[in-house]
């Protein structure tokens, strides 16, 4: 069961680290990302916050997987 947990946490982290930065680049290039004066819109800010949270969870998943792999907290 522990091996399954570690595997799922690592896959989750890898998915988040691979997908979200690419998505952010697409969001940042979207016409809705900036107003006519070049300032970031709520569209960009909301997506940036959501992607930031997803990346933070990826880091937490990675750390948790490493700790579980080395037996910390078991």
PDB file of N, CA and C in Angstrom:
ATOM      1  N   UNK A   1       0.823  -1.197   0.000  1.00  0.00           N
ATOM      2  CA  UNK A   1       0.000   0.000   0.000  1.00  0.00           C
ATOM      3  C   UNK A   1       0.870   1.264   0.000  1.00  0.00           C
ATOM      4  N   UNK A   2       1.991   1.196   0.726  1.00  0.00           N
ATOM      5  CA  UNK A   2       2.881   2.350   0.797  1.00  0.00           C
ATOM      6  C   UNK A   2       3.489   2.654  -0.570  1.00  0.00           C
ATOM      7  N   UNK A   3       3.823   1.622  -1.313  1.00  0.00           N
ATOM      8  CA  UNK A   3       4.397   1.815  -2.650  1.00  0.00           C
ATOM      9  C   UNK A   3       3.372   2.497  -3.561  1.00  0.00           C
ATOM     10  N   UNK A   4       2.115   2.110  -3.448  1.00  0.00           N
ATOM     11  CA  UNK A   4       1.056   2.736  -4.240  1.00  0.00           C
ATOM     12  C   UNK A   4       0.918   4.210  -3.879  1.00  0.00           C
ATOM     13  N   UNK A   5       0.946   4.532  -2.596  1.00  0.00           N
ATOM     14  CA  UNK A   5       0.866   5.920  -2.139  1.00  0.00           C
ATOM     15  C   UNK A   5       2.017   6.745  -2.699  1.00  0.00           C
ATOM     16  N   UNK A   6       3.221   6.230  -2.592  1.00  0.00           N
ATOM     17  CA  UNK A   6       4.403   6.947  -3.086  1.00  0.00           C
ATOM     18  C   UNK A   6       4.299   7.158  -4.593  1.00  0.00           C
ATOM     19  N   UNK A   7       3.899   6.120  -5.309  1.00  0.00           N
ATOM     20  CA  UNK A   7       3.761   6.216  -6.765  1.00  0.00           C
ATOM     21  C   UNK A   7       2.722   7.262  -7.158  1.00  0.00           C
ATOM     22  N   UNK A   8       1.581   7.236  -6.513  1.00  0.00           N
ATOM     23  CA  UNK A   8       0.527   8.208  -6.832  1.00  0.00           C
ATOM     24  C   UNK A   8       0.963   9.646  -6.520  1.00  0.00           C
ATOM     25  N   UNK A   9       1.641   9.835  -5.417  1.00  0.00           N
ATOM     26  CA  UNK A   9       2.120  11.179  -5.070  1.00  0.00           C
ATOM     27  C   UNK A   9       3.146  11.685  -6.069  1.00  0.00           C
ATOM     28  N   UNK A  10       4.034  10.818  -6.505  1.00  0.00           N
ATOM     29  CA  UNK A  10       5.039  11.228  -7.494  1.00  0.00           C
ATOM     30  C   UNK A  10       4.386  11.512  -8.841  1.00  0.00           C
ATOM     31  N   UNK A  11       3.456  10.662  -9.261  1.00  0.00           N
ATOM     32  CA  UNK A  11       2.751  10.914 -10.529  1.00  0.00           C
ATOM     33  C   UNK A  11       1.959  12.218 -10.477  1.00  0.00           C
ATOM     34  N   UNK A  12       1.339  12.490  -9.348  1.00  0.00           N
ATOM     35  CA  UNK A  12       0.604  13.738  -9.171  1.00  0.00           C
ATOM     36  C   UNK A  12       1.541  14.931  -9.301  1.00  0.00           C
ATOM     37  N   UNK A  13       2.679  14.860  -8.651  1.00  0.00           N
ATOM     38  CA  UNK A  13       3.644  15.959  -8.701  1.00  0.00           C
ATOM     39  C   UNK A  13       4.164  16.157 -10.121  1.00  0.00           C
ATOM     40  N   UNK A  14       4.521  15.071 -10.799  1.00  0.00           N
ATOM     41  CA  UNK A  14       5.025  15.183 -12.167  1.00  0.00           C
ATOM     42  C   UNK A  14       3.979  15.769 -13.109  1.00  0.00           C
ATOM     43  N   UNK A  15       2.746  15.306 -12.973  1.00  0.00           N
ATOM     44  CA  UNK A  15       1.673  15.844 -13.818  1.00  0.00           C
ATOM     45  C   UNK A  15       1.540  17.347 -13.614  1.00  0.00           C
ATOM     46  N   UNK A  16       1.478  17.774 -12.363  1.00  0.00           N
ATOM     47  CA  UNK A  16       1.321  19.202 -12.082  1.00  0.00           C
ATOM     48  C   UNK A  16       2.500  20.018 -12.577  1.00  0.00           C
ATOM     49  N   UNK A  17       3.705  19.507 -12.402  1.00  0.00           N
ATOM     50  CA  UNK A  17       4.893  20.244 -12.830  1.00  0.00           C
ATOM     51  C   UNK A  17       5.030  20.307 -14.344  1.00  0.00           C
ATOM     52  N   UNK A  18       4.462  19.346 -15.059  1.00  0.00           N
ATOM     53  CA  UNK A  18       4.537  19.351 -16.514  1.00  0.00           C
ATOM     54  C   UNK A  18       3.394  20.130 -17.169  1.00  0.00           C
ATOM     55  N   UNK A  19       2.203  20.019 -16.625  1.00  0.00           N
ATOM     56  CA  UNK A  19       1.018  20.591 -17.277  1.00  0.00           C
ATOM     57  C   UNK A  19       0.810  22.066 -16.969  1.00  0.00           C
ATOM     58  N   UNK A  20       0.892  22.449 -15.709  1.00  0.00           N
ATOM     59  CA  UNK A  20       0.490  23.804 -15.348  1.00  0.00           C
ATOM     60  C   UNK A  20       1.379  24.919 -15.893  1.00  0.00           C
ATOM     61  N   UNK A  21       2.685  24.787 -15.935  1.00  0.00           N
ATOM     62  CA  UNK A  21       3.480  25.858 -16.543  1.00  0.00           C
ATOM     63  C   UNK A  21       3.125  26.094 -18.021  1.00  0.00           C
ATOM     64  N   UNK A  22       2.871  25.013 -18.761  1.00  0.00           N
ATOM     65  CA  UNK A  22       2.462  25.150 -20.160  1.00  0.00           C
ATOM     66  C   UNK A  22       1.120  25.862 -20.258  1.00  0.00           C
ATOM     67  N   UNK A  23       0.195  25.493 -19.391  1.00  0.00           N
ATOM     68  CA  UNK A  23      -1.115  26.135 -19.378  1.00  0.00           C
ATOM     69  C   UNK A  23      -0.987  27.625 -19.050  1.00  0.00           C
ATOM     70  N   UNK A  24      -0.106  27.957 -18.093  1.00  0.00           N
ATOM     71  CA  UNK A  24       0.067  29.366 -17.732  1.00  0.00           C
ATOM     72  C   UNK A  24       0.592  30.180 -18.908  1.00  0.00           C
ATOM     73  N   UNK A  25       1.509  29.618 -19.675  1.00  0.00           N
ATOM     74  CA  UNK A  25       2.008  30.344 -20.853  1.00  0.00           C
ATOM     75  C   UNK A  25       0.877  30.638 -21.827  1.00  0.00           C
ATOM     76  N   UNK A  26      -0.023  29.683 -21.995  1.00  0.00           N
ATOM     77  CA  UNK A  26      -1.172  29.906 -22.891  1.00  0.00           C
ATOM     78  C   UNK A  26      -2.110  30.963 -22.320  1.00  0.00           C
ATOM     79  N   UNK A  27      -2.353  30.918 -21.025  1.00  0.00           N
ATOM     80  CA  UNK A  27      -3.218  31.913 -20.383  1.00  0.00           C
ATOM     81  C   UNK A  27      -2.597  33.306 -20.500  1.00  0.00           C
ATOM     82  N   UNK A  28      -1.296  33.404 -20.269  1.00  0.00           N
ATOM     83  CA  UNK A  28      -0.616  34.705 -20.311  1.00  0.00           C
ATOM     84  C   UNK A  28      -0.662  35.322 -21.704  1.00  0.00           C
ATOM     85  N   UNK A  29      -0.684  34.497 -22.747  1.00  0.00           N
ATOM     86  CA  UNK A  29      -0.754  35.012 -24.119  1.00  0.00           C
ATOM     87  C   UNK A  29      -2.176  35.314 -24.568  1.00  0.00           C
ATOM     88  N   UNK A  30      -3.152  34.864 -23.814  1.00  0.00           N
ATOM     89  CA  UNK A  30      -4.557  35.073 -24.173  1.00  0.00           C
ATOM     90  C   UNK A  30      -4.882  36.565 -24.170  1.00  0.00           C
ATOM     91  N   UNK A  31      -5.742  36.970 -25.080  1.00  0.00           N
ATOM     92  CA  UNK A  31      -6.123  38.383 -25.182  1.00  0.00           C
ATOM     93  C   UNK A  31      -6.834  38.882 -23.927  1.00  0.00           C
ATOM     94  N   UNK A  32      -7.465  37.992 -23.191  1.00  0.00           N
ATOM     95  CA  UNK A  32      -8.182  38.389 -21.967  1.00  0.00           C
ATOM     96  C   UNK A  32      -7.259  38.600 -20.780  1.00  0.00           C
ATOM     97  N   UNK A  33      -5.981  38.287 -20.922  1.00  0.00           N
ATOM     98  CA  UNK A  33      -5.044  38.354 -19.799  1.00  0.00           C
ATOM     99  C   UNK A  33      -4.661  39.779 -19.424  1.00  0.00           C
ATOM    100  N   UNK A  34      -4.731  40.696 -20.362  1.00  0.00           N
ATOM    101  CA  UNK A  34      -4.320  42.087 -20.104  1.00  0.00           C
ATOM    102  C   UNK A  34      -5.381  43.037 -20.632  1.00  0.00           C
ATOM    103  N   UNK A  35      -5.540  44.155 -19.931  1.00  0.00           N
ATOM    104  CA  UNK A  35      -6.469  45.173 -20.404  1.00  0.00           C
ATOM    105  C   UNK A  35      -5.756  46.032 -21.461  1.00  0.00           C
ATOM    106  N   UNK A  36      -6.450  47.001 -22.074  1.00  0.00           N
ATOM    107  CA  UNK A  36      -5.828  47.830 -23.118  1.00  0.00           C
ATOM    108  C   UNK A  36      -4.587  48.596 -22.641  1.00  0.00           C
ATOM    109  N   UNK A  37      -4.469  48.848 -21.349  1.00  0.00           N
ATOM    110  CA  UNK A  37      -3.293  49.548 -20.822  1.00  0.00           C
ATOM    111  C   UNK A  37      -2.148  48.583 -20.488  1.00  0.00           C
ATOM    112  N   UNK A  38      -2.378  47.293 -20.676  1.00  0.00           N
ATOM    113  CA  UNK A  38      -1.339  46.306 -20.424  1.00  0.00           C
ATOM    114  C   UNK A  38      -1.313  45.753 -19.011  1.00  0.00           C
ATOM    115  N   UNK A  39      -2.265  46.167 -18.187  1.00  0.00           N
ATOM    116  CA  UNK A  39      -2.315  45.670 -16.807  1.00  0.00           C
ATOM    117  C   UNK A  39      -2.970  44.285 -16.768  1.00  0.00           C
ATOM    118  N   UNK A  40      -2.550  43.440 -15.822  1.00  0.00           N
ATOM    119  CA  UNK A  40      -3.163  42.109 -15.721  1.00  0.00           C
ATOM    120  C   UNK A  40      -4.636  42.212 -15.326  1.00  0.00           C
ATOM    121  N   UNK A  41      -5.452  41.381 -15.936  1.00  0.00           N
ATOM    122  CA  UNK A  41      -6.883  41.347 -15.630  1.00  0.00           C
ATOM    123  C   UNK A  41      -7.155  40.280 -14.578  1.00  0.00           C
ATOM    124  N   UNK A  42      -8.390  40.238 -14.115  1.00  0.00           N
ATOM    125  CA  UNK A  42      -8.778  39.198 -13.145  1.00  0.00           C
ATOM    126  C   UNK A  42      -8.604  37.808 -13.747  1.00  0.00           C
ATOM    127  N   UNK A  43      -8.826  37.683 -15.038  1.00  0.00           N
ATOM    128  CA  UNK A  43      -8.629  36.418 -15.749  1.00  0.00           C
ATOM    129  C   UNK A  43      -7.210  35.890 -15.503  1.00  0.00           C
ATOM    130  N   UNK A  44      -6.219  36.735 -15.691  1.00  0.00           N
ATOM    131  CA  UNK A  44      -4.826  36.325 -15.499  1.00  0.00           C
ATOM    132  C   UNK A  44      -4.519  36.090 -14.025  1.00  0.00           C
ATOM    133  N   UNK A  45      -4.987  36.958 -13.166  1.00  0.00           N
ATOM    134  CA  UNK A  45      -4.696  36.846 -11.737  1.00  0.00           C
ATOM    135  C   UNK A  45      -5.297  35.571 -11.152  1.00  0.00           C
ATOM    136  N   UNK A  46      -6.546  35.294 -11.477  1.00  0.00           N
ATOM    137  CA  UNK A  46      -7.205  34.089 -10.952  1.00  0.00           C
ATOM    138  C   UNK A  46      -6.480  32.839 -11.424  1.00  0.00           C
ATOM    139  N   UNK A  47      -6.141  32.803 -12.713  1.00  0.00           N
ATOM    140  CA  UNK A  47      -5.437  31.630 -13.225  1.00  0.00           C
ATOM    141  C   UNK A  47      -4.042  31.498 -12.606  1.00  0.00           C
ATOM    142  N   UNK A  48      -3.370  32.610 -12.396  1.00  0.00           N
ATOM    143  CA  UNK A  48      -2.043  32.569 -11.783  1.00  0.00           C
ATOM    144  C   UNK A  48      -2.131  32.019 -10.356  1.00  0.00           C
ATOM    145  N   UNK A  49      -3.136  32.435  -9.611  1.00  0.00           N
ATOM    146  CA  UNK A  49      -3.308  31.942  -8.236  1.00  0.00           C
ATOM    147  C   UNK A  49      -3.618  30.444  -8.245  1.00  0.00           C
ATOM    148  N   UNK A  50      -4.533  30.028  -9.104  1.00  0.00           N
ATOM    149  CA  UNK A  50      -4.892  28.609  -9.176  1.00  0.00           C
ATOM    150  C   UNK A  50      -3.693  27.747  -9.579  1.00  0.00           C
ATOM    151  N   UNK A  51      -2.923  28.220 -10.536  1.00  0.00           N
ATOM    152  CA  UNK A  51      -1.747  27.468 -10.972  1.00  0.00           C
ATOM    153  C   UNK A  51      -0.694  27.453  -9.867  1.00  0.00           C
ATOM    154  N   UNK A  52      -0.541  28.563  -9.174  1.00  0.00           N
ATOM    155  CA  UNK A  52       0.388  28.606  -8.046  1.00  0.00           C
ATOM    156  C   UNK A  52       0.024  27.603  -6.964  1.00  0.00           C
ATOM    157  N   UNK A  53      -1.261  27.492  -6.662  1.00  0.00           N
ATOM    158  CA  UNK A  53      -1.722  26.520  -5.664  1.00  0.00           C
ATOM    159  C   UNK A  53      -1.448  25.095  -6.158  1.00  0.00           C
ATOM    160  N   UNK A  54      -1.714  24.838  -7.432  1.00  0.00           N
ATOM    161  CA  UNK A  54      -1.458  23.506  -7.991  1.00  0.00           C
ATOM    162  C   UNK A  54       0.027  23.154  -7.910  1.00  0.00           C
ATOM    163  N   UNK A  55       0.891  24.125  -8.190  1.00  0.00           N
ATOM    164  CA  UNK A  55       2.331  23.863  -8.115  1.00  0.00           C
ATOM    165  C   UNK A  55       2.791  23.674  -6.672  1.00  0.00           C
ATOM    166  N   UNK A  56       2.191  24.419  -5.754  1.00  0.00           N
ATOM    167  CA  UNK A  56       2.496  24.220  -4.339  1.00  0.00           C
ATOM    168  C   UNK A  56       2.097  22.811  -3.899  1.00  0.00           C
ATOM    169  N   UNK A  57       0.935  22.354  -4.343  1.00  0.00           N
ATOM    170  CA  UNK A  57       0.505  20.994  -4.022  1.00  0.00           C
ATOM    171  C   UNK A  57       1.435  19.957  -4.644  1.00  0.00           C
ATOM    172  N   UNK A  58       1.995  20.254  -5.801  1.00  0.00           N
ATOM    173  CA  UNK A  58       2.965  19.351  -6.424  1.00  0.00           C
ATOM    174  C   UNK A  58       4.211  19.223  -5.549  1.00  0.00           C
ATOM    175  N   UNK A  59       4.665  20.344  -5.001  1.00  0.00           N
ATOM    176  CA  UNK A  59       5.832  20.315  -4.110  1.00  0.00           C
ATOM    177  C   UNK A  59       5.501  19.522  -2.841  1.00  0.00           C
ATOM    178  N   UNK A  60       4.335  19.763  -2.284  1.00  0.00           N
ATOM    179  CA  UNK A  60       3.921  19.035  -1.079  1.00  0.00           C
ATOM    180  C   UNK A  60       3.821  17.539  -1.368  1.00  0.00           C
ATOM    181  N   UNK A  61       3.276  17.187  -2.527  1.00  0.00           N
ATOM    182  CA  UNK A  61       3.191  15.776  -2.910  1.00  0.00           C
ATOM    183  C   UNK A  61       4.572  15.165  -3.031  1.00  0.00           C
ATOM    184  N   UNK A  62       5.498  15.890  -3.623  1.00  0.00           N
ATOM    185  CA  UNK A  62       6.867  15.394  -3.779  1.00  0.00           C
ATOM    186  C   UNK A  62       7.529  15.164  -2.423  1.00  0.00           C
ATOM    187  N   UNK A  63       7.419  16.138  -1.554  1.00  0.00           N
ATOM    188  CA  UNK A  63       8.025  16.023  -0.225  1.00  0.00           C
ATOM    189  C   UNK A  63       7.397  14.874   0.542  1.00  0.00           C
ATOM    190  N   UNK A  64       6.085  14.750   0.469  1.00  0.00           N
ATOM    191  CA  UNK A  64       5.392  13.661   1.162  1.00  0.00           C
ATOM    192  C   UNK A  64       5.839  12.301   0.622  1.00  0.00           C
ATOM    193  N   UNK A  65       5.975  12.195  -0.695  1.00  0.00           N
ATOM    194  CA  UNK A  65       6.424  10.937  -1.293  1.00  0.00           C
ATOM    195  C   UNK A  65       7.839  10.589  -0.844  1.00  0.00           C
ATOM    196  N   UNK A  66       8.704  11.581  -0.796  1.00  0.00           N
ATOM    197  CA  UNK A  66      10.082  11.342  -0.351  1.00  0.00           C
ATOM    198  C   UNK A  66      10.108  10.910   1.107  1.00  0.00           C
ATOM    199  N   UNK A  67       9.350  11.610   1.942  1.00  0.00           N
ATOM    200  CA  UNK A  67       9.305  11.248   3.357  1.00  0.00           C
ATOM    201  C   UNK A  67       8.747   9.838   3.566  1.00  0.00           C
ATOM    202  N   UNK A  68       7.732   9.501   2.784  1.00  0.00           N
ATOM    203  CA  UNK A  68       7.157   8.156   2.890  1.00  0.00           C
ATOM    204  C   UNK A  68       8.158   7.099   2.398  1.00  0.00           C
ATOM    205  N   UNK A  69       8.914   7.439   1.371  1.00  0.00           N
ATOM    206  CA  UNK A  69       9.890   6.490   0.821  1.00  0.00           C
ATOM    207  C   UNK A  69      11.034   6.195   1.784  1.00  0.00           C
ATOM    208  N   UNK A  70      11.452   7.206   2.536  1.00  0.00           N
ATOM    209  CA  UNK A  70      12.550   6.991   3.469  1.00  0.00           C
ATOM    210  C   UNK A  70      12.067   6.543   4.846  1.00  0.00           C
ATOM    211  N   UNK A  71      10.751   6.482   5.025  1.00  0.00           N
ATOM    212  CA  UNK A  71      10.195   5.931   6.253  1.00  0.00           C
ATOM    213  C   UNK A  71       9.980   6.924   7.367  1.00  0.00           C
ATOM    214  N   UNK A  72      10.012   8.218   7.069  1.00  0.00           N
ATOM    215  CA  UNK A  72       9.772   9.228   8.097  1.00  0.00           C
ATOM    216  C   UNK A  72       8.280   9.251   8.412  1.00  0.00           C
ATOM    217  N   UNK A  73       7.944   9.193   9.691  1.00  0.00           N
ATOM    218  CA  UNK A  73       6.545   9.266  10.117  1.00  0.00           C
ATOM    219  C   UNK A  73       5.828   7.932  10.080  1.00  0.00           C
ATOM    220  N   UNK A  74       6.561   6.860   9.816  1.00  0.00           N
ATOM    221  CA  UNK A  74       5.921   5.547   9.753  1.00  0.00           C
ATOM    222  C   UNK A  74       6.036   4.858  11.088  1.00  0.00           C
TER     223      UNK A  74
END
